[in-house]
Structure formats: C-alpha cells, structure tokens
Amino acid sequence: MGTCWSCGKNIEANNYHRQDSCTHCGRDTHACKNCDFYDRTYNNECRESSADRVVEKERSNFCDFFKPSTRAGGTGGKTKDDLRSAAEALFKKKS
C-alpha cells in the first residue's frame, strides 16, 4: 500500500500497473512522483542510478525499478524546513 503523489490518499498494492490511476483523483499511479526512488535533489530526480531518464514525472512510465512510495505529495527529497534544521544543527553554538 502506498500514497498518491497528487491527493495523498492511500493506494491499494495492486493498483500500480502502468495503466492504473488513483481511485480518488484519477492521476497515474505508476509515475515517478509516486516512486520511492523519486528525489528532486538527485540527477534526473531519481536515486536509482540504473533507471532510464523519465521526463514527465507525473505520467505513467515503463520503469522497471518502480517501488511505491509512502511519502505524500511526491515530495522526494528534503524540504526547506529539513534543510534549515540541518544547517542550524551544524552551525549552532557549543556551550
């Protein structure tokens, strides 16, 4: 079971084939933004280095490395708040 990148609703495990779509919002489920390897900070926005480049991250594709993600909203990567917290921790004064 995973989470839709578009609406954040749960997707059943058997609903990730190439022609499947989210039952709530109708968006493609076998898409980069729905994949656990999706990460905006990586080259081609994918942590799987062997995967072919996919230009349209919100559309169905034929990627063999697809793994359903449980992150909501197709976030893939660190948020601004995560980065700020890491920077503050790195540069905080030591007592």
PDB file of N, CA and C in Angstrom:
ATOM      1  N   MET A   1       0.838  -1.170   0.000  1.00  0.00           N
ATOM      2  CA  MET A   1       0.000   0.000   0.000  1.00  0.00           C
ATOM      3  C   MET A   1       0.888   1.239   0.000  1.00  0.00           C
ATOM      4  N   GLY A   2       0.490   2.238  -0.729  1.00  0.00           N
ATOM      5  CA  GLY A   2       1.248   3.468  -0.813  1.00  0.00           C
ATOM      6  C   GLY A   2       0.339   4.673  -0.745  1.00  0.00           C
ATOM      7  N   THR A   3       0.911   5.821  -1.077  1.00  0.00           N
ATOM      8  CA  THR A   3       0.194   7.085  -1.006  1.00  0.00           C
ATOM      9  C   THR A   3       0.268   7.801  -2.342  1.00  0.00           C
ATOM     10  N   CYS A   4      -0.824   8.354  -2.804  1.00  0.00           N
ATOM     11  CA  CYS A   4      -0.863   9.075  -4.077  1.00  0.00           C
ATOM     12  C   CYS A   4      -0.051  10.363  -3.988  1.00  0.00           C
ATOM     13  N   TRP A   5       0.759  10.604  -4.988  1.00  0.00           N
ATOM     14  CA  TRP A   5       1.591  11.806  -5.004  1.00  0.00           C
ATOM     15  C   TRP A   5       0.748  13.067  -5.170  1.00  0.00           C
ATOM     16  N   SER A   6      -0.424  12.944  -5.745  1.00  0.00           N
ATOM     17  CA  SER A   6      -1.246  14.110  -6.040  1.00  0.00           C
ATOM     18  C   SER A   6      -2.212  14.468  -4.914  1.00  0.00           C
ATOM     19  N   CYS A   7      -2.975  13.499  -4.437  1.00  0.00           N
ATOM     20  CA  CYS A   7      -4.002  13.811  -3.435  1.00  0.00           C
ATOM     21  C   CYS A   7      -3.654  13.329  -2.026  1.00  0.00           C
ATOM     22  N   GLY A   8      -2.640  12.456  -1.901  1.00  0.00           N
ATOM     23  CA  GLY A   8      -2.222  11.974  -0.593  1.00  0.00           C
ATOM     24  C   GLY A   8      -3.056  10.838  -0.033  1.00  0.00           C
ATOM     25  N   LYS A   9      -4.027  10.353  -0.798  1.00  0.00           N
ATOM     26  CA  LYS A   9      -4.877   9.244  -0.342  1.00  0.00           C
ATOM     27  C   LYS A   9      -4.143   7.910  -0.518  1.00  0.00           C
ATOM     28  N   ASN A  10      -4.566   6.908   0.240  1.00  0.00           N
ATOM     29  CA  ASN A  10      -3.958   5.574   0.149  1.00  0.00           C
ATOM     30  C   ASN A  10      -4.289   4.913  -1.181  1.00  0.00           C
ATOM     31  N   ILE A  11      -3.318   4.169  -1.705  1.00  0.00           N
ATOM     32  CA  ILE A  11      -3.485   3.407  -2.940  1.00  0.00           C
ATOM     33  C   ILE A  11      -3.251   1.942  -2.602  1.00  0.00           C
ATOM     34  N   GLU A  12      -4.145   1.087  -3.039  1.00  0.00           N
ATOM     35  CA  GLU A  12      -4.016  -0.349  -2.797  1.00  0.00           C
ATOM     36  C   GLU A  12      -2.780  -0.897  -3.517  1.00  0.00           C
ATOM     37  N   ALA A  13      -2.185  -1.937  -2.968  1.00  0.00           N
ATOM     38  CA  ALA A  13      -0.951  -2.514  -3.508  1.00  0.00           C
ATOM     39  C   ALA A  13      -1.100  -3.018  -4.939  1.00  0.00           C
ATOM     40  N   ASN A  14      -2.278  -3.446  -5.332  1.00  0.00           N
ATOM     41  CA  ASN A  14      -2.467  -3.981  -6.683  1.00  0.00           C
ATOM     42  C   ASN A  14      -2.901  -2.900  -7.688  1.00  0.00           C
ATOM     43  N   ASN A  15      -2.762  -1.638  -7.357  1.00  0.00           N
ATOM     44  CA  ASN A  15      -3.190  -0.542  -8.220  1.00  0.00           C
ATOM     45  C   ASN A  15      -2.006   0.267  -8.748  1.00  0.00           C
ATOM     46  N   TYR A  16      -0.902  -0.400  -9.067  1.00  0.00           N
ATOM     47  CA  TYR A  16       0.295   0.295  -9.539  1.00  0.00           C
ATOM     48  C   TYR A  16       0.748  -0.168 -10.920  1.00  0.00           C
ATOM     49  N   HIS A  17      -0.150  -0.715 -11.701  1.00  0.00           N
ATOM     50  CA  HIS A  17       0.220  -1.123 -13.059  1.00  0.00           C
ATOM     51  C   HIS A  17       0.269   0.120 -13.941  1.00  0.00           C
ATOM     52  N   ARG A  18       0.878  -0.006 -15.099  1.00  0.00           N
ATOM     53  CA  ARG A  18       1.109   1.150 -15.955  1.00  0.00           C
ATOM     54  C   ARG A  18      -0.164   1.919 -16.301  1.00  0.00           C
ATOM     55  N   GLN A  19      -1.264   1.254 -16.481  1.00  0.00           N
ATOM     56  CA  GLN A  19      -2.489   1.942 -16.891  1.00  0.00           C
ATOM     57  C   GLN A  19      -3.427   2.249 -15.722  1.00  0.00           C
ATOM     58  N   ASP A  20      -2.981   2.003 -14.501  1.00  0.00           N
ATOM     59  CA  ASP A  20      -3.813   2.280 -13.334  1.00  0.00           C
ATOM     60  C   ASP A  20      -3.753   3.752 -12.945  1.00  0.00           C
ATOM     61  N   SER A  21      -4.811   4.187 -12.271  1.00  0.00           N
ATOM     62  CA  SER A  21      -4.853   5.565 -11.784  1.00  0.00           C
ATOM     63  C   SER A  21      -5.441   5.577 -10.374  1.00  0.00           C
ATOM     64  N   CYS A  22      -5.215   6.645  -9.668  1.00  0.00           N
ATOM     65  CA  CYS A  22      -5.719   6.804  -8.308  1.00  0.00           C
ATOM     66  C   CYS A  22      -7.248   6.818  -8.354  1.00  0.00           C
ATOM     67  N   THR A  23      -7.864   6.053  -7.479  1.00  0.00           N
ATOM     68  CA  THR A  23      -9.322   5.985  -7.462  1.00  0.00           C
ATOM     69  C   THR A  23      -9.949   7.260  -6.897  1.00  0.00           C
ATOM     70  N   HIS A  24      -9.148   8.107  -6.273  1.00  0.00           N
ATOM     71  CA  HIS A  24      -9.662   9.341  -5.675  1.00  0.00           C
ATOM     72  C   HIS A  24      -9.530  10.543  -6.612  1.00  0.00           C
ATOM     73  N   CYS A  25      -8.354  10.705  -7.225  1.00  0.00           N
ATOM     74  CA  CYS A  25      -8.127  11.907  -8.039  1.00  0.00           C
ATOM     75  C   CYS A  25      -7.921  11.614  -9.526  1.00  0.00           C
ATOM     76  N   GLY A  26      -7.732  10.332  -9.887  1.00  0.00           N
ATOM     77  CA  GLY A  26      -7.594   9.960 -11.292  1.00  0.00           C
ATOM     78  C   GLY A  26      -6.197  10.112 -11.874  1.00  0.00           C
ATOM     79  N   ARG A  27      -5.209  10.504 -11.076  1.00  0.00           N
ATOM     80  CA  ARG A  27      -3.841  10.671 -11.571  1.00  0.00           C
ATOM     81  C   ARG A  27      -3.163   9.308 -11.720  1.00  0.00           C
ATOM     82  N   ASP A  28      -2.173   9.226 -12.616  1.00  0.00           N
ATOM     83  CA  ASP A  28      -1.439   7.977 -12.845  1.00  0.00           C
ATOM     84  C   ASP A  28      -0.730   7.539 -11.565  1.00  0.00           C
ATOM     85  N   THR A  29      -0.755   6.226 -11.303  1.00  0.00           N
ATOM     86  CA  THR A  29      -0.102   5.715 -10.093  1.00  0.00           C
ATOM     87  C   THR A  29       1.315   5.212 -10.354  1.00  0.00           C
ATOM     88  N   HIS A  30       1.576   4.666 -11.545  1.00  0.00           N
ATOM     89  CA  HIS A  30       2.926   4.161 -11.869  1.00  0.00           C
ATOM     90  C   HIS A  30       3.731   5.316 -12.470  1.00  0.00           C
ATOM     91  N   ALA A  31       3.954   6.341 -11.657  1.00  0.00           N
ATOM     92  CA  ALA A  31       4.646   7.556 -12.096  1.00  0.00           C
ATOM     93  C   ALA A  31       5.813   7.841 -11.162  1.00  0.00           C
ATOM     94  N   CYS A  32       6.800   8.558 -11.655  1.00  0.00           N
ATOM     95  CA  CYS A  32       7.992   8.861 -10.856  1.00  0.00           C
ATOM     96  C   CYS A  32       7.655   9.495  -9.508  1.00  0.00           C
ATOM     97  N   LYS A  33       6.725  10.425  -9.500  1.00  0.00           N
ATOM     98  CA  LYS A  33       6.392  11.110  -8.254  1.00  0.00           C
ATOM     99  C   LYS A  33       5.740  10.183  -7.243  1.00  0.00           C
ATOM    100  N   ASN A  34       5.352   8.988  -7.648  1.00  0.00           N
ATOM    101  CA  ASN A  34       4.766   8.003  -6.750  1.00  0.00           C
ATOM    102  C   ASN A  34       5.780   6.928  -6.367  1.00  0.00           C
ATOM    103  N   CYS A  35       7.014   7.085  -6.784  1.00  0.00           N
ATOM    104  CA  CYS A  35       8.051   6.069  -6.581  1.00  0.00           C
ATOM    105  C   CYS A  35       8.938   6.414  -5.390  1.00  0.00           C
ATOM    106  N   ASP A  36       9.361   5.396  -4.677  1.00  0.00           N
ATOM    107  CA  ASP A  36      10.249   5.581  -3.532  1.00  0.00           C
ATOM    108  C   ASP A  36      11.612   6.138  -3.957  1.00  0.00           C
ATOM    109  N   PHE A  37      12.034   5.897  -5.193  1.00  0.00           N
ATOM    110  CA  PHE A  37      13.323   6.389  -5.674  1.00  0.00           C
ATOM    111  C   PHE A  37      13.275   7.853  -6.114  1.00  0.00           C
ATOM    112  N   TYR A  38      12.099   8.441  -6.239  1.00  0.00           N
ATOM    113  CA  TYR A  38      11.971   9.830  -6.678  1.00  0.00           C
ATOM    114  C   TYR A  38      12.580  10.761  -5.640  1.00  0.00           C
ATOM    115  N   ASP A  39      13.499  11.612  -6.095  1.00  0.00           N
ATOM    116  CA  ASP A  39      14.147  12.574  -5.206  1.00  0.00           C
ATOM    117  C   ASP A  39      14.599  13.755  -6.048  1.00  0.00           C
ATOM    118  N   ARG A  40      14.034  14.908  -5.800  1.00  0.00           N
ATOM    119  CA  ARG A  40      14.349  16.104  -6.600  1.00  0.00           C
ATOM    120  C   ARG A  40      15.805  16.509  -6.526  1.00  0.00           C
ATOM    121  N   THR A  41      16.523  16.084  -5.497  1.00  0.00           N
ATOM    122  CA  THR A  41      17.915  16.515  -5.327  1.00  0.00           C
ATOM    123  C   THR A  41      18.916  15.665  -6.110  1.00  0.00           C
ATOM    124  N   TYR A  42      18.474  14.586  -6.719  1.00  0.00           N
ATOM    125  CA  TYR A  42      19.364  13.697  -7.465  1.00  0.00           C
ATOM    126  C   TYR A  42      19.319  13.991  -8.967  1.00  0.00           C
ATOM    127  N   ASN A  43      20.346  13.509  -9.661  1.00  0.00           N
ATOM    128  CA  ASN A  43      20.387  13.620 -11.115  1.00  0.00           C
ATOM    129  C   ASN A  43      19.165  12.919 -11.696  1.00  0.00           C
ATOM    130  N   ASN A  44      18.491  13.560 -12.623  1.00  0.00           N
ATOM    131  CA  ASN A  44      17.252  13.055 -13.227  1.00  0.00           C
ATOM    132  C   ASN A  44      16.151  12.818 -12.200  1.00  0.00           C
ATOM    133  N   GLU A  45      16.308  13.388 -11.013  1.00  0.00           N
ATOM    134  CA  GLU A  45      15.334  13.290  -9.927  1.00  0.00           C
ATOM    135  C   GLU A  45      15.037  11.850  -9.520  1.00  0.00           C
ATOM    136  N   CYS A  46      16.071  10.987  -9.578  1.00  0.00           N
ATOM    137  CA  CYS A  46      15.903   9.577  -9.249  1.00  0.00           C
ATOM    138  C   CYS A  46      17.142   9.053  -8.519  1.00  0.00           C
ATOM    139  N   ARG A  47      16.931   8.361  -7.389  1.00  0.00           N
ATOM    140  CA  ARG A  47      18.051   7.792  -6.634  1.00  0.00           C
ATOM    141  C   ARG A  47      18.548   6.487  -7.242  1.00  0.00           C
ATOM    142  N   GLU A  48      17.800   5.905  -8.163  1.00  0.00           N
ATOM    143  CA  GLU A  48      18.227   4.666  -8.830  1.00  0.00           C
ATOM    144  C   GLU A  48      19.069   5.053 -10.037  1.00  0.00           C
ATOM    145  N   SER A  49      20.377   4.827  -9.941  1.00  0.00           N
ATOM    146  CA  SER A  49      21.296   5.278 -10.997  1.00  0.00           C
ATOM    147  C   SER A  49      21.166   4.476 -12.295  1.00  0.00           C
ATOM    148  N   SER A  50      20.605   3.290 -12.243  1.00  0.00           N
ATOM    149  CA  SER A  50      20.466   2.466 -13.450  1.00  0.00           C
ATOM    150  C   SER A  50      19.170   2.733 -14.221  1.00  0.00           C
ATOM    151  N   ALA A  51      18.284   3.505 -13.647  1.00  0.00           N
ATOM    152  CA  ALA A  51      16.993   3.767 -14.294  1.00  0.00           C
ATOM    153  C   ALA A  51      17.164   4.707 -15.490  1.00  0.00           C
ATOM    154  N   ASP A  52      16.369   4.468 -16.521  1.00  0.00           N
ATOM    155  CA  ASP A  52      16.361   5.362 -17.676  1.00  0.00           C
ATOM    156  C   ASP A  52      15.749   6.700 -17.268  1.00  0.00           C
ATOM    157  N   ARG A  53      16.148   7.753 -17.961  1.00  0.00           N
ATOM    158  CA  ARG A  53      15.615   9.089 -17.674  1.00  0.00           C
ATOM    159  C   ARG A  53      14.145   9.167 -18.095  1.00  0.00           C
ATOM    160  N   VAL A  54      13.325   9.705 -17.210  1.00  0.00           N
ATOM    161  CA  VAL A  54      11.915   9.924 -17.499  1.00  0.00           C
ATOM    162  C   VAL A  54      11.666  11.421 -17.370  1.00  0.00           C
ATOM    163  N   VAL A  55      11.168  12.038 -18.425  1.00  0.00           N
ATOM    164  CA  VAL A  55      10.973  13.479 -18.430  1.00  0.00           C
ATOM    165  C   VAL A  55       9.698  13.876 -17.694  1.00  0.00           C
ATOM    166  N   GLU A  56       8.608  13.202 -17.981  1.00  0.00           N
ATOM    167  CA  GLU A  56       7.323  13.548 -17.372  1.00  0.00           C
ATOM    168  C   GLU A  56       7.126  12.747 -16.091  1.00  0.00           C
ATOM    169  N   LYS A  57       7.435  13.347 -14.967  1.00  0.00           N
ATOM    170  CA  LYS A  57       7.434  12.669 -13.663  1.00  0.00           C
ATOM    171  C   LYS A  57       6.034  12.372 -13.131  1.00  0.00           C
ATOM    172  N   GLU A  58       5.009  13.005 -13.690  1.00  0.00           N
ATOM    173  CA  GLU A  58       3.644  12.818 -13.193  1.00  0.00           C
ATOM    174  C   GLU A  58       2.823  11.852 -14.054  1.00  0.00           C
ATOM    175  N   ARG A  59       3.417  11.297 -15.097  1.00  0.00           N
ATOM    176  CA  ARG A  59       2.704  10.415 -16.022  1.00  0.00           C
ATOM    177  C   ARG A  59       3.209   8.979 -15.892  1.00  0.00           C
ATOM    178  N   SER A  60       2.379   8.027 -16.275  1.00  0.00           N
ATOM    179  CA  SER A  60       2.776   6.612 -16.244  1.00  0.00           C
ATOM    180  C   SER A  60       4.009   6.386 -17.100  1.00  0.00           C
ATOM    181  N   ASN A  61       4.830   5.418 -16.693  1.00  0.00           N
ATOM    182  CA  ASN A  61       6.035   5.087 -17.452  1.00  0.00           C
ATOM    183  C   ASN A  61       6.306   3.588 -17.343  1.00  0.00           C
ATOM    184  N   PHE A  62       7.359   3.145 -18.017  1.00  0.00           N
ATOM    185  CA  PHE A  62       7.698   1.719 -18.063  1.00  0.00           C
ATOM    186  C   PHE A  62       8.883   1.368 -17.159  1.00  0.00           C
ATOM    187  N   CYS A  63       9.208   2.177 -16.193  1.00  0.00           N
ATOM    188  CA  CYS A  63      10.385   1.947 -15.349  1.00  0.00           C
ATOM    189  C   CYS A  63      10.267   0.630 -14.586  1.00  0.00           C
ATOM    190  N   ASP A  64      11.293  -0.207 -14.720  1.00  0.00           N
ATOM    191  CA  ASP A  64      11.317  -1.499 -14.034  1.00  0.00           C
ATOM    192  C   ASP A  64      11.722  -1.374 -12.569  1.00  0.00           C
ATOM    193  N   PHE A  65      12.253  -0.221 -12.179  1.00  0.00           N
ATOM    194  CA  PHE A  65      12.711  -0.023 -10.805  1.00  0.00           C
ATOM    195  C   PHE A  65      11.641   0.585  -9.910  1.00  0.00           C
ATOM    196  N   PHE A  66      10.452   0.822 -10.442  1.00  0.00           N
ATOM    197  CA  PHE A  66       9.380   1.473  -9.696  1.00  0.00           C
ATOM    198  C   PHE A  66       9.082   0.735  -8.393  1.00  0.00           C
ATOM    199  N   LYS A  67       9.024   1.504  -7.313  1.00  0.00           N
ATOM    200  CA  LYS A  67       8.674   0.963  -5.992  1.00  0.00           C
ATOM    201  C   LYS A  67       7.725   1.973  -5.347  1.00  0.00           C
ATOM    202  N   PRO A  68       6.496   1.571  -5.018  1.00  0.00           N
ATOM    203  CA  PRO A  68       5.523   2.509  -4.456  1.00  0.00           C
ATOM    204  C   PRO A  68       6.057   3.249  -3.229  1.00  0.00           C
ATOM    205  N   SER A  69       5.823   4.533  -3.206  1.00  0.00           N
ATOM    206  CA  SER A  69       6.272   5.369  -2.104  1.00  0.00           C
ATOM    207  C   SER A  69       5.166   5.570  -1.084  1.00  0.00           C
ATOM    208  N   THR A  70       5.546   5.736   0.167  1.00  0.00           N
ATOM    209  CA  THR A  70       4.572   6.030   1.211  1.00  0.00           C
ATOM    210  C   THR A  70       4.601   7.507   1.577  1.00  0.00           C
ATOM    211  N   ARG A  71       5.491   8.272   0.942  1.00  0.00           N
ATOM    212  CA  ARG A  71       5.544   9.722   1.188  1.00  0.00           C
ATOM    213  C   ARG A  71       4.392  10.391   0.456  1.00  0.00           C
ATOM    214  N   ALA A  72       3.783  11.342   1.088  1.00  0.00           N
ATOM    215  CA  ALA A  72       2.662  12.052   0.460  1.00  0.00           C
ATOM    216  C   ALA A  72       3.161  13.178  -0.437  1.00  0.00           C
ATOM    217  N   GLY A  73       2.402  13.458  -1.441  1.00  0.00           N
ATOM    218  CA  GLY A  73       2.641  14.642  -2.255  1.00  0.00           C
ATOM    219  C   GLY A  73       3.808  14.594  -3.204  1.00  0.00           C
ATOM    220  N   GLY A  74       4.373  13.438  -3.494  1.00  0.00           N
ATOM    221  CA  GLY A  74       5.502  13.367  -4.419  1.00  0.00           C
ATOM    222  C   GLY A  74       6.659  14.249  -3.998  1.00  0.00           C
ATOM    223  N   THR A  75       6.904  14.307  -2.698  1.00  0.00           N
ATOM    224  CA  THR A  75       7.905  15.231  -2.178  1.00  0.00           C
ATOM    225  C   THR A  75       9.300  14.866  -2.633  1.00  0.00           C
ATOM    226  N   GLY A  76       9.709  13.653  -2.427  1.00  0.00           N
ATOM    227  CA  GLY A  76      11.016  13.207  -2.888  1.00  0.00           C
ATOM    228  C   GLY A  76      12.152  14.131  -2.529  1.00  0.00           C
ATOM    229  N   GLY A  77      12.714  13.971  -1.417  1.00  0.00           N
ATOM    230  CA  GLY A  77      13.854  14.788  -1.023  1.00  0.00           C
ATOM    231  C   GLY A  77      13.547  15.613   0.212  1.00  0.00           C
ATOM    232  N   LYS A  78      14.524  16.363   0.604  1.00  0.00           N
ATOM    233  CA  LYS A  78      14.423  17.175   1.800  1.00  0.00           C
ATOM    234  C   LYS A  78      13.572  18.420   1.557  1.00  0.00           C
ATOM    235  N   THR A  79      12.815  18.798   2.561  1.00  0.00           N
ATOM    236  CA  THR A  79      12.028  20.026   2.472  1.00  0.00           C
ATOM    237  C   THR A  79      12.881  21.200   2.950  1.00  0.00           C
ATOM    238  N   LYS A  80      12.376  22.395   2.759  1.00  0.00           N
ATOM    239  CA  LYS A  80      13.081  23.592   3.211  1.00  0.00           C
ATOM    240  C   LYS A  80      13.310  23.546   4.714  1.00  0.00           C
ATOM    241  N   ASP A  81      12.306  23.099   5.447  1.00  0.00           N
ATOM    242  CA  ASP A  81      12.433  23.022   6.906  1.00  0.00           C
ATOM    243  C   ASP A  81      13.478  21.994   7.329  1.00  0.00           C
ATOM    244  N   ASP A  82      13.543  20.859   6.614  1.00  0.00           N
ATOM    245  CA  ASP A  82      14.556  19.846   6.918  1.00  0.00           C
ATOM    246  C   ASP A  82      15.961  20.421   6.721  1.00  0.00           C
ATOM    247  N   LEU A  83      16.138  21.132   5.618  1.00  0.00           N
ATOM    248  CA  LEU A  83      17.446  21.719   5.321  1.00  0.00           C
ATOM    249  C   LEU A  83      17.815  22.800   6.334  1.00  0.00           C
ATOM    250  N   ARG A  84      16.853  23.628   6.714  1.00  0.00           N
ATOM    251  CA  ARG A  84      17.109  24.683   7.699  1.00  0.00           C
ATOM    252  C   ARG A  84      17.499  24.069   9.039  1.00  0.00           C
ATOM    253  N   SER A  85      16.793  23.031   9.464  1.00  0.00           N
ATOM    254  CA  SER A  85      17.105  22.368  10.733  1.00  0.00           C
ATOM    255  C   SER A  85      18.507  21.767  10.715  1.00  0.00           C
ATOM    256  N   ALA A  86      18.873  21.170   9.600  1.00  0.00           N
ATOM    257  CA  ALA A  86      20.209  20.585   9.474  1.00  0.00           C
ATOM    258  C   ALA A  86      21.276  21.669   9.541  1.00  0.00           C
ATOM    259  N   ALA A  87      21.045  22.798   8.893  1.00  0.00           N
ATOM    260  CA  ALA A  87      22.014  23.889   8.918  1.00  0.00           C
ATOM    261  C   ALA A  87      22.138  24.481  10.323  1.00  0.00           C
ATOM    262  N   GLU A  88      21.010  24.658  11.004  1.00  0.00           N
ATOM    263  CA  GLU A  88      21.048  25.182  12.367  1.00  0.00           C
ATOM    264  C   GLU A  88      21.788  24.230  13.306  1.00  0.00           C
ATOM    265  N   ALA A  89      21.565  22.953  13.142  1.00  0.00           N
ATOM    266  CA  ALA A  89      22.266  21.960  13.979  1.00  0.00           C
ATOM    267  C   ALA A  89      23.764  21.982  13.705  1.00  0.00           C
ATOM    268  N   LEU A  90      24.121  22.193  12.459  1.00  0.00           N
ATOM    269  CA  LEU A  90      25.532  22.206  12.084  1.00  0.00           C
ATOM    270  C   LEU A  90      26.252  23.431  12.644  1.00  0.00           C
ATOM    271  N   PHE A  91      25.587  24.581  12.623  1.00  0.00           N
ATOM    272  CA  PHE A  91      26.240  25.821  12.999  1.00  0.00           C
ATOM    273  C   PHE A  91      25.849  26.349  14.369  1.00  0.00           C
ATOM    274  N   LYS A  92      25.134  25.571  15.175  1.00  0.00           N
ATOM    275  CA  LYS A  92      24.726  26.073  16.490  1.00  0.00           C
ATOM    276  C   LYS A  92      25.938  26.200  17.400  1.00  0.00           C
ATOM    277  N   LYS A  93      25.821  27.164  18.301  1.00  0.00           N
ATOM    278  CA  LYS A  93      26.930  27.431  19.224  1.00  0.00           C
ATOM    279  C   LYS A  93      27.049  26.308  20.233  1.00  0.00           C
ATOM    280  N   LYS A  94      28.284  25.972  20.543  1.00  0.00           N
ATOM    281  CA  LYS A  94      28.523  24.962  21.562  1.00  0.00           C
ATOM    282  C   LYS A  94      28.763  25.659  22.890  1.00  0.00           C
ATOM    283  N   SER A  95      28.182  25.139  23.946  1.00  0.00           N
ATOM    284  CA  SER A  95      28.313  25.774  25.262  1.00  0.00           C
ATOM    285  C   SER A  95      29.586  25.364  25.927  1.00  0.00           C
TER     286      SER A  95
END
